[in-house]
Amino acid sequence: MAIKTVFTTGEAAKICKVSQQTIIRCFDSGQLKGFRVPGSRFRRIPRDQLFAFMRDNGIPTDALESGKRKVLVVDDDQELVELISDALDRDGRFEVRSVCNGFDAGMMVKDYHPDVIILDVMLPDINGREVCLRVRNDKTMDDVRIICISGMVEEDKIQELRAAGANDFLGKPFDIEMLLQRMSRLLDMEI
């Protein structure tokens, strides 16, 4: 897939790590150049304008450079990890890394700062709930989305995961398309 050339205000906000309101304010005041979609009030920001805006405001442009959303897959089922990684690679909008246990996940989250974590609940060392809690206890990780995946789907367990900070839950086995849709929704991407 080609690198994105035009961004929505939601996408621009994610890349700049600011609120969508901030982007809209900058757009409306003329600090951030762009255009409105004819016949609607939707604002669109061309890549070069977003780049200039980020540079002028001292916002790191590496997120825009790659243009890809960072995904961390945490699962000890190697086949499933490969299945997810292949699907995301084919989609073209994601950069994927994977680890097979909670300890490595904790280290990788800090270094890699993914946009979304696809997290198996039953890990060999610590459970997914614990990983959720650790991520949520780190204020620098507030923008990280977590999708838990598991073969166990008891409602009370799912509620526990949500309480620990999971944004979404998918029962195994699941359809990769469904995973992509959920990720796109959490990341405000076009599905």
Foldseek 3Di string as FASTA:
>chain_A
DDQDFKDFLLLLCVQQVHDSVVSVVCPVVVVQDFDADPPDRTTMHTLVSSVVSCVVVVRDCPCSVQQAFEEEEEAQPVVVLVVLCVVVVVVVRYDYDYDHALVVVLVCCVVPVGQEYEAEQDGPPHGPLVSLLSLVVDVVNVRYAYEYEYQDDDPVVVVSSVVSPHPYYDYPPDDSVVVVVVVCVSSVHDD
